[in-house]
Amino acid sequence: MPELVAPVADIAARGYAHPEVLVSTQWVADHLGDPKVRLVESNEDVLLYETGHIPGAVKIDWITDLNDPLIRDYIDGQRFERLLRSKGINNDTTIVFYGDKNNWWATYAFWVFRLFGVKNLRVMDGGRLRWAKEGRELVTTVARYAEGNIVVSERDDSAFRAFRDQALEHVRRGNQLVDVRSPEEYRGERLHMPEYPNEGALRGGHIPGARSIPWGRAVNPETHTFRPASELRTIYQQENGLEQDGDVIVYCRIGERSSHTWFALTYLLGFTNVRNYDGSWTEWGNTVRAPVEKP
């Protein structure tokens, strides 16, 4: 039975810079079985897909599919192309991501796909939770597709990704830096979110000069959808002084939460130069002599 779900304004009416990058649960329902659309579920809970998923959706495991098994980096273009072809993705396929945690991991997968130059990407607003609360169908049958023909370029980290030395130079120049972790992590009281094991770094605190803007503020907790652009502008620009044309780096603990903020700033507010520092606090908080700030 569907739950009572708070209504939400149409995506086109929310004032986003790129409204086309979001689709509604109804849009997805209308395109089930569309051979030109591939639904991709990506979750923090890597076993959740097997308990039930949107009909026809394929699974992207952020650990085993996207990350190199040996070094701390993502897979190369050749392996990424094989992965996408194995999911039946062609050059003209529209890829629609969704997942748990209000699409926190779906936007992470979206960000990784953009590193490889894949452009025809969408996110289902409201994620898995809104789909389920609306009483829409979840199945356990794993969809199988014929081998796709997509051609993927080698990964280009320059536009959307930042590394430690770049983040350090960013600090020295006084550029805009956003810490999207919980307030407890920002203050150095914890090394991970309150409901998670307290692990990941030897030191707590935040990168000097970073503004604390938890990633979840971009989402309406009643609807599980992104807030309208007017509310996002209040959070990021009016309250925290971020500049739309400024050089912005976002970070969290390992780069997943910050990919959600990267998505909101880049696609919903139209910021032109946002990079995700995926080494984030796990790297920074373990680096000898890296500058650390606490309130």
Protein backbone atom coordinates (compact mmCIF):
# COMPACT_ATOMS: atom_id res chain seq x y z
CA MET A 1 0.00 0.00 0.00
CA PRO A 2 1.30 3.49 -0.82
CA GLU A 3 2.13 5.78 2.05
CA LEU A 4 0.94 9.36 2.35
CA VAL A 5 3.66 11.20 0.44
CA ALA A 6 3.97 14.96 0.48
CA PRO A 7 3.25 16.49 -2.94
CA VAL A 8 6.04 18.21 -4.81
CA ALA A 9 6.11 20.97 -7.42
CA ASP A 10 6.87 20.04 -11.00
CA ILE A 11 10.59 19.97 -11.73
CA ALA A 12 10.22 22.54 -14.52
CA ALA A 13 8.61 25.00 -12.08
CA ARG A 14 11.41 24.98 -9.50
CA GLY A 15 13.72 27.41 -11.27
CA TYR A 16 16.70 25.15 -11.83
CA ALA A 17 19.49 26.08 -14.21
CA HIS A 18 19.28 22.63 -15.85
CA PRO A 19 15.87 21.12 -15.03
CA GLU A 20 16.31 18.52 -17.76
CA VAL A 21 18.80 16.60 -15.60
CA LEU A 22 16.06 15.58 -13.16
CA VAL A 23 13.11 13.32 -13.93
CA SER A 24 10.14 12.51 -11.71
CA THR A 25 9.03 9.12 -10.47
CA GLN A 26 6.06 9.43 -12.84
CA TRP A 27 8.40 10.03 -15.78
CA VAL A 28 10.25 6.85 -14.86
CA ALA A 29 6.98 4.92 -14.53
CA ASP A 30 5.96 6.15 -17.99
CA HIS A 31 9.26 4.97 -19.48
CA LEU A 32 9.46 1.48 -17.97
CA GLY A 33 10.38 -0.83 -20.81
CA ASP A 34 11.62 1.99 -23.03
CA PRO A 35 14.62 0.50 -24.87
CA LYS A 36 16.24 3.95 -25.06
CA VAL A 37 16.21 4.38 -21.26
CA ARG A 38 18.37 2.46 -18.79
CA LEU A 39 17.57 2.75 -15.09
CA VAL A 40 20.63 2.45 -12.87
CA GLU A 41 20.31 1.84 -9.13
CA SER A 42 23.32 2.79 -7.01
CA ASN A 43 23.07 2.51 -3.22
CA GLU A 44 25.19 2.89 -0.13
CA ASP A 45 23.71 -0.46 0.92
CA VAL A 46 25.18 -2.63 -1.82
CA LEU A 47 22.76 -5.48 -1.02
CA LEU A 48 19.59 -3.38 -1.27
CA TYR A 49 19.09 -3.88 -5.02
CA GLU A 50 18.62 -7.62 -4.52
CA THR A 51 15.74 -7.06 -2.08
CA GLY A 52 13.75 -5.24 -4.74
CA HIS A 53 14.33 -2.61 -7.42
CA ILE A 54 12.46 -0.73 -10.13
CA PRO A 55 11.55 -3.11 -12.97
CA GLY A 56 14.27 -3.18 -15.60
CA ALA A 57 16.86 -1.40 -13.47
CA VAL A 58 20.46 -2.55 -13.40
CA LYS A 59 22.82 -2.28 -10.46
CA ILE A 60 26.03 -0.29 -10.21
CA ASP A 61 28.05 -1.27 -7.14
CA TRP A 62 30.12 1.73 -6.11
CA ILE A 63 32.75 -0.52 -4.52
CA THR A 64 33.27 -3.34 -7.01
CA ASP A 65 32.16 -1.66 -10.25
CA LEU A 66 33.57 1.87 -10.09
CA ASN A 67 36.67 1.60 -7.92
CA ASP A 68 39.99 0.11 -8.95
CA PRO A 69 40.55 -3.03 -6.85
CA LEU A 70 44.22 -2.26 -6.18
CA ILE A 71 44.88 1.49 -5.96
CA ARG A 72 42.73 4.24 -4.47
CA ASP A 73 41.26 5.47 -7.74
CA TYR A 74 38.51 4.76 -10.22
CA ILE A 75 38.72 2.22 -13.02
CA ASP A 76 40.13 3.19 -16.41
CA GLY A 77 38.16 3.92 -19.56
CA GLN A 78 38.47 0.43 -21.02
CA ARG A 79 37.03 -1.24 -17.93
CA PHE A 80 34.36 1.43 -17.61
CA GLU A 81 33.27 0.89 -21.21
CA ARG A 82 33.01 -2.87 -20.62
CA LEU A 83 30.91 -2.20 -17.51
CA LEU A 84 28.44 0.02 -19.34
CA ARG A 85 28.17 -2.30 -22.32
CA SER A 86 27.46 -5.20 -19.96
CA LYS A 87 24.43 -3.24 -18.73
CA GLY A 88 23.10 -2.90 -22.28
CA ILE A 89 23.96 0.79 -22.57
CA ASN A 90 24.35 2.24 -26.07
CA ASN A 91 25.59 5.60 -27.30
CA ASP A 92 22.01 6.88 -27.54
CA THR A 93 20.80 5.49 -24.20
CA THR A 94 19.41 7.87 -21.61
CA ILE A 95 20.81 6.76 -18.25
CA VAL A 96 18.64 7.48 -15.21
CA PHE A 97 20.19 7.08 -11.77
CA TYR A 98 18.37 6.54 -8.51
CA GLY A 99 19.24 5.07 -5.14
CA ASP A 100 18.91 5.10 -1.38
CA LYS A 101 19.77 7.91 1.05
CA ASN A 102 17.90 10.55 -0.99
CA ASN A 103 20.06 9.82 -4.05
CA TRP A 104 23.32 10.44 -2.24
CA TRP A 105 24.97 7.47 -3.99
CA ALA A 106 23.10 7.98 -7.25
CA THR A 107 24.71 11.40 -7.63
CA TYR A 108 28.08 9.83 -6.77
CA ALA A 109 27.67 7.41 -9.69
CA PHE A 110 26.48 10.32 -11.86
CA TRP A 111 29.67 12.23 -10.99
CA VAL A 112 31.91 9.26 -11.84
CA PHE A 113 30.12 8.82 -15.19
CA ARG A 114 30.78 12.48 -15.97
CA LEU A 115 34.51 11.94 -15.39
CA PHE A 116 34.37 9.64 -18.42
CA GLY A 117 32.51 12.19 -20.52
CA VAL A 118 29.15 10.41 -20.49
CA LYS A 119 26.55 13.14 -20.97
CA ASN A 120 23.06 11.70 -21.45
CA LEU A 121 22.45 11.34 -17.72
CA ARG A 122 19.47 11.96 -15.46
CA VAL A 123 18.60 11.52 -11.78
CA MET A 124 15.18 10.35 -10.59
CA ASP A 125 14.17 13.03 -8.11
CA GLY A 126 13.11 11.55 -4.78
CA GLY A 127 15.13 8.41 -5.26
CA ARG A 128 14.27 4.91 -4.25
CA LEU A 129 12.51 6.01 -1.07
CA ARG A 130 9.94 8.20 -2.80
CA TRP A 131 9.29 5.52 -5.43
CA ALA A 132 8.61 2.97 -2.68
CA LYS A 133 6.50 5.34 -0.57
CA GLU A 134 4.31 6.03 -3.60
CA GLY A 135 3.55 2.32 -3.69
CA ARG A 136 5.22 1.76 -7.02
CA GLU A 137 6.44 -1.67 -8.05
CA LEU A 138 9.71 -3.16 -6.86
CA VAL A 139 10.86 -6.51 -8.25
CA THR A 140 13.66 -8.96 -7.54
CA THR A 141 14.05 -10.16 -11.11
CA VAL A 142 17.43 -9.08 -12.46
CA ALA A 143 17.12 -7.59 -15.94
CA ARG A 144 19.44 -8.91 -18.65
CA TYR A 145 20.22 -6.94 -21.77
CA ALA A 146 22.10 -7.52 -24.99
CA GLU A 147 25.63 -6.14 -25.05
CA GLY A 148 25.60 -2.39 -25.57
CA ASN A 149 27.70 -0.40 -28.01
CA ILE A 150 28.57 2.73 -26.04
CA VAL A 151 32.02 4.18 -26.70
CA VAL A 152 33.67 5.76 -23.65
CA SER A 153 36.64 8.08 -23.58
CA GLU A 154 39.47 7.82 -21.10
CA ARG A 155 38.72 9.41 -17.77
CA ASP A 156 39.36 13.17 -17.56
CA ASP A 157 39.67 14.38 -13.98
CA SER A 158 40.42 18.00 -14.80
CA ALA A 159 36.96 19.56 -14.88
CA PHE A 160 35.09 17.94 -12.00
CA ARG A 161 37.67 16.38 -9.69
CA ALA A 162 40.18 17.88 -7.25
CA PHE A 163 43.19 16.25 -5.62
CA ARG A 164 44.92 16.96 -2.32
CA ASP A 165 47.59 19.30 -3.67
CA GLN A 166 44.96 21.23 -5.61
CA ALA A 167 42.85 21.51 -2.47
CA LEU A 168 45.88 22.75 -0.53
CA GLU A 169 46.57 25.41 -3.14
CA HIS A 170 42.88 26.27 -3.04
CA VAL A 171 43.22 26.94 0.69
CA ARG A 172 46.32 29.11 0.20
CA ARG A 173 44.49 31.22 -2.36
CA GLY A 174 41.45 31.66 -0.12
CA ASN A 175 39.07 30.18 -2.68
CA GLN A 176 35.63 28.81 -1.85
CA LEU A 177 35.62 25.47 -0.03
CA VAL A 178 32.57 23.57 1.20
CA ASP A 179 32.58 20.85 3.87
CA VAL A 180 29.34 18.89 3.38
CA ARG A 181 29.80 16.52 6.35
CA SER A 182 27.80 16.58 9.55
CA PRO A 183 28.38 19.46 12.00
CA GLU A 184 29.97 16.97 14.42
CA GLU A 185 32.54 15.97 11.82
CA TYR A 186 33.18 19.58 10.86
CA ARG A 187 33.81 20.50 14.49
CA GLY A 188 36.21 17.58 14.87
CA GLU A 189 34.06 15.79 17.43
CA ARG A 190 33.68 12.77 15.17
CA LEU A 191 35.49 11.19 12.24
CA HIS A 192 32.29 9.90 10.61
CA MET A 193 28.58 10.65 10.76
CA PRO A 194 26.96 10.15 14.19
CA GLU A 195 25.19 6.90 13.23
CA TYR A 196 28.30 5.32 11.72
CA PRO A 197 31.47 3.77 13.20
CA ASN A 198 33.85 6.51 14.29
CA GLU A 199 36.66 5.74 11.85
CA GLY A 200 38.47 6.89 8.75
CA ALA A 201 41.09 9.43 9.87
CA LEU A 202 43.67 10.07 12.58
CA ARG A 203 42.68 13.70 13.06
CA GLY A 204 39.34 15.45 13.25
CA GLY A 205 38.34 18.93 12.19
CA HIS A 206 38.00 20.59 8.81
CA ILE A 207 40.11 22.10 6.05
CA PRO A 208 40.91 25.72 6.97
CA GLY A 209 38.44 28.20 5.54
CA ALA A 210 35.81 25.62 4.63
CA ARG A 211 32.17 26.54 5.08
CA SER A 212 29.99 23.94 6.80
CA ILE A 213 26.98 23.17 4.59
CA PRO A 214 25.75 19.60 5.24
CA TRP A 215 24.79 17.87 2.00
CA GLY A 216 21.31 16.92 3.20
CA ARG A 217 20.19 20.54 3.39
CA ALA A 218 19.67 20.42 -0.38
CA VAL A 219 16.84 17.89 0.07
CA ASN A 220 13.33 18.40 1.42
CA PRO A 221 13.05 15.65 4.06
CA GLU A 222 9.27 15.39 3.59
CA THR A 223 9.36 14.80 -0.16
CA HIS A 224 12.90 13.35 -0.53
CA THR A 225 13.30 15.63 -3.55
CA PHE A 226 15.67 18.51 -4.19
CA ARG A 227 14.59 21.85 -2.81
CA PRO A 228 13.59 24.49 -5.37
CA ALA A 229 16.29 26.79 -6.68
CA SER A 230 15.16 29.71 -4.53
CA GLU A 231 15.75 27.71 -1.35
CA LEU A 232 19.07 26.36 -2.63
CA ARG A 233 20.24 29.89 -3.42
CA THR A 234 19.37 30.93 0.12
CA ILE A 235 21.42 28.08 1.58
CA TYR A 236 24.49 28.29 -0.62
CA GLN A 237 24.66 31.88 -1.77
CA GLN A 238 22.85 34.10 0.70
CA GLU A 239 23.76 32.25 3.91
CA ASN A 240 27.26 31.14 2.90
CA GLY A 241 28.36 33.59 0.24
CA LEU A 242 29.22 31.13 -2.51
CA GLU A 243 29.65 32.77 -5.90
CA GLN A 244 28.14 31.17 -8.98
CA ASP A 245 31.21 31.88 -11.11
CA GLY A 246 33.72 31.24 -8.33
CA ASP A 247 36.20 28.39 -8.05
CA VAL A 248 34.53 25.96 -5.62
CA ILE A 249 35.79 22.68 -4.15
CA VAL A 250 33.45 20.43 -2.16
CA TYR A 251 34.50 17.55 0.09
CA CYS A 252 33.23 15.10 2.70
CA ARG A 253 34.84 11.89 3.96
CA ILE A 254 35.41 9.88 0.76
CA GLY A 255 33.71 12.05 -1.87
CA GLU A 256 30.22 10.53 -1.98
CA ARG A 257 28.22 13.06 0.04
CA SER A 258 30.08 15.90 -1.64
CA SER A 259 29.08 14.58 -5.08
CA HIS A 260 25.47 15.33 -4.08
CA THR A 261 26.40 18.95 -3.34
CA TRP A 262 28.48 19.09 -6.54
CA PHE A 263 25.36 18.01 -8.44
CA ALA A 264 23.12 20.59 -6.74
CA LEU A 265 25.54 23.47 -7.33
CA THR A 266 26.45 22.50 -10.89
CA TYR A 267 23.13 21.43 -12.36
CA LEU A 268 20.45 22.99 -10.20
CA LEU A 269 22.07 26.38 -9.49
CA GLY A 270 24.28 26.60 -12.58
CA PHE A 271 27.63 27.08 -10.85
CA THR A 272 30.31 26.98 -13.52
CA ASN A 273 33.41 25.67 -11.74
CA VAL A 274 32.75 23.13 -8.99
CA ARG A 275 35.11 20.24 -8.31
CA ASN A 276 34.70 17.30 -5.96
CA TYR A 277 37.70 16.45 -3.78
CA ASP A 278 37.02 12.75 -3.39
CA GLY A 279 40.12 12.08 -1.29
CA SER A 280 38.26 14.24 1.21
CA TRP A 281 38.75 13.92 4.96
CA THR A 282 39.95 10.31 4.83
CA GLU A 283 42.98 11.56 2.93
CA TRP A 284 43.33 15.01 4.50
CA GLY A 285 42.89 13.85 8.09
CA ASN A 286 45.58 11.19 7.62
CA THR A 287 48.11 13.43 5.86
CA VAL A 288 51.18 14.46 7.85
CA ARG A 289 51.32 18.24 8.40
CA ALA A 290 48.09 18.95 6.50
CA PRO A 291 46.55 22.08 8.03
CA VAL A 292 43.49 21.40 10.20
CA GLU A 293 41.05 23.82 11.72
CA LYS A 294 38.57 23.43 14.55
CA PRO A 295 36.03 25.98 15.72
